[in-house]
C-alpha atoms as a PDB file:
ATOM      1  CA  MET A   1      -0.497  -3.986   0.591  1.00  0.00           C
ATOM      2  CA  ASP A   2      -1.191  -4.104   4.560  1.00  0.00           C
ATOM      3  CA  ALA A   3      -2.978  -0.851   4.980  1.00  0.00           C
ATOM      4  CA  GLU A   4      -1.184  -0.181   8.283  1.00  0.00           C
ATOM      5  CA  LEU A   5       2.163   0.155   6.496  1.00  0.00           C
ATOM      6  CA  GLU A   6       0.327   2.365   3.775  1.00  0.00           C
ATOM      7  CA  ILE A   7      -0.752   4.370   6.598  1.00  0.00           C
ATOM      8  CA  LYS A   8       2.569   4.758   8.277  1.00  0.00           C
ATOM      9  CA  LYS A   9       4.174   5.344   5.034  1.00  0.00           C
ATOM     10  CA  HIS A  10       1.941   8.110   4.327  1.00  0.00           C
ATOM     11  CA  ILE A  11       2.425   9.651   7.559  1.00  0.00           C
ATOM     12  CA  VAL A  12       6.147   9.434   7.589  1.00  0.00           C
ATOM     13  CA  LYS A  13       6.595  10.795   3.965  1.00  0.00           C
ATOM     14  CA  LYS A  14       4.280  13.708   5.253  1.00  0.00           C
ATOM     15  CA  LEU A  15       6.182  14.891   8.179  1.00  0.00           C
ATOM     16  CA  VAL A  16       9.425  14.318   6.220  1.00  0.00           C
ATOM     17  CA  GLN A  17       8.801  16.091   3.336  1.00  0.00           C
ATOM     18  CA  TRP A  18       7.212  18.934   5.401  1.00  0.00           C
ATOM     19  CA  ARG A  19      10.404  19.019   7.865  1.00  0.00           C
ATOM     20  CA  LYS A  20       8.246  18.532  10.907  1.00  0.00           C
ATOM     21  CA  TRP A  21      10.858  17.638  13.424  1.00  0.00           C
ATOM     22  CA  GLY A  22      10.826  18.547  16.917  1.00  0.00           C
ATOM     23  CA  ALA A  23       8.904  21.514  18.055  1.00  0.00           C
ATOM     24  CA  SER A  24       7.352  22.156  14.460  1.00  0.00           C
ATOM     25  CA  HIS A  25       4.093  20.177  14.866  1.00  0.00           C
ATOM     26  CA  THR A  26       0.994  19.907  12.473  1.00  0.00           C
ATOM     27  CA  GLU A  27      -1.965  18.535  12.786  1.00  0.00           C
ATOM     28  CA  ASN A  28      -3.291  17.450   9.247  1.00  0.00           C
ATOM     29  CA  ILE A  29      -1.295  14.553   8.929  1.00  0.00           C
ATOM     30  CA  LEU A  30      -3.939  12.615   7.749  1.00  0.00           C
ATOM     31  CA  ARG A  31      -5.088  14.695   4.991  1.00  0.00           C
ATOM     32  CA  GLY A  32      -4.686  12.686   1.767  1.00  0.00           C
ATOM     33  CA  LEU A  33      -5.417   9.327   3.271  1.00  0.00           C
ATOM     34  CA  PRO A  34      -8.763   7.582   2.172  1.00  0.00           C
ATOM     35  CA  SER A  35     -11.696   8.825   4.017  1.00  0.00           C
ATOM     36  CA  HIS A  36     -12.591   5.174   5.231  1.00  0.00           C
ATOM     37  CA  TRP A  37      -8.938   5.173   6.522  1.00  0.00           C
ATOM     38  CA  ARG A  38      -9.023   8.514   8.344  1.00  0.00           C
ATOM     39  CA  GLY A  39     -11.002   7.467  11.573  1.00  0.00           C
ATOM     40  CA  GLY A  40     -10.225   3.691  10.982  1.00  0.00           C
ATOM     41  CA  LYS A  41      -9.138   1.551  13.681  1.00  0.00           C
ATOM     42  CA  GLU A  42      -6.005   0.885  11.438  1.00  0.00           C
ATOM     43  CA  THR A  43      -5.085   4.563  11.328  1.00  0.00           C
ATOM     44  CA  LYS A  44      -5.214   5.224  15.339  1.00  0.00           C
ATOM     45  CA  ASN A  45      -3.168   1.992  15.670  1.00  0.00           C
ATOM     46  CA  VAL A  46      -0.558   3.184  13.499  1.00  0.00           C
ATOM     47  CA  LEU A  47      -0.588   6.459  15.340  1.00  0.00           C
ATOM     48  CA  LYS A  48      -0.225   4.853  18.848  1.00  0.00           C
ATOM     49  CA  GLU A  49       2.319   2.684  17.317  1.00  0.00           C
ATOM     50  CA  LEU A  50       4.441   5.516  16.267  1.00  0.00           C
ATOM     51  CA  VAL A  51       4.170   7.232  19.507  1.00  0.00           C
ATOM     52  CA  LYS A  52       5.016   4.497  21.467  1.00  0.00           C
ATOM     53  CA  ASN A  53       8.360   3.686  19.563  1.00  0.00           C
ATOM     54  CA  ARG A  54       8.994   7.485  20.017  1.00  0.00           C
ATOM     55  CA  TRP A  55       9.044   8.369  16.279  1.00  0.00           C
ATOM     56  CA  LEU A  56       6.184  10.413  16.648  1.00  0.00           C
ATOM     57  CA  LEU A  57       5.830  13.370  18.969  1.00  0.00           C
ATOM     58  CA  SER A  58       2.460  14.476  20.191  1.00  0.00           C
ATOM     59  CA  ALA A  59       1.120  17.982  21.409  1.00  0.00           C
ATOM     60  CA  LYS A  60      -2.500  18.888  22.099  1.00  0.00           C
ATOM     61  CA  LYS A  61      -3.080  22.332  20.976  1.00  0.00           C
ATOM     62  CA  THR A  62      -5.957  24.183  20.387  1.00  0.00           C
ATOM     63  CA  GLY A  63      -8.265  21.283  21.277  1.00  0.00           C
ATOM     64  CA  GLU A  64      -6.039  18.813  18.450  1.00  0.00           C
ATOM     65  CA  ILE A  65      -3.416  16.748  18.777  1.00  0.00           C
ATOM     66  CA  HIS A  66      -0.523  17.492  16.846  1.00  0.00           C
ATOM     67  CA  TYR A  67       2.122  15.305  15.401  1.00  0.00           C
ATOM     68  CA  SER A  68       6.038  16.125  14.866  1.00  0.00           C
ATOM     69  CA  LEU A  69       9.070  13.577  14.281  1.00  0.00           C
ATOM     70  CA  ASN A  70      10.898  12.767  17.326  1.00  0.00           C
ATOM     71  CA  SER A  71      15.023  14.517  16.335  1.00  0.00           C
ATOM     72  CA  GLU A  72      16.403  11.584  18.358  1.00  0.00           C
ATOM     73  CA  LYS A  73      14.821   8.902  16.267  1.00  0.00           C
ATOM     74  CA  ALA A  74      15.855  10.681  12.863  1.00  0.00           C
ATOM     75  CA  ASN A  75      18.556   7.740  11.989  1.00  0.00           C
ATOM     76  CA  GLU A  76      15.305   5.332  11.875  1.00  0.00           C
ATOM     77  CA  ILE A  77      12.584   7.358  10.405  1.00  0.00           C
ATOM     78  CA  LEU A  78      15.165   8.548   7.618  1.00  0.00           C
ATOM     79  CA  GLU A  79      15.917   4.762   6.978  1.00  0.00           C
ATOM     80  CA  PHE A  80      12.330   3.955   6.899  1.00  0.00           C
ATOM     81  CA  TYR A  81      11.808   6.677   4.627  1.00  0.00           C
ATOM     82  CA  GLU A  82      14.639   5.845   1.984  1.00  0.00           C
ATOM     83  CA  ASN A  83      13.171   2.229   1.900  1.00  0.00           C
ATOM     84  CA  TYR A  84       9.758   2.391   1.874  1.00  0.00           C
ATOM     85  CA  CYS A  85       8.583   6.353   0.919  1.00  0.00           C
ATOM     86  CA  LYS A  86      10.661   7.605  -2.138  1.00  0.00           C
END
């Protein structure tokens, strides 16, 4: 399967399961990915795409970037979750 889709599924699944919506941020969304994807180009592209599409909100805290799901895009995010992450 496409690496970028797999990374996107991993990120969305984790954040939905952890209920990280709005002001509830986390920095460790890449944990659980294979090590060759954690700092890879595909992962950076997926994160940029998710922020650009406003699915993810980013906040710089404690020197790291923390991410949460955008509540305004909940319908789109949950539809993706239902179709690809279950």
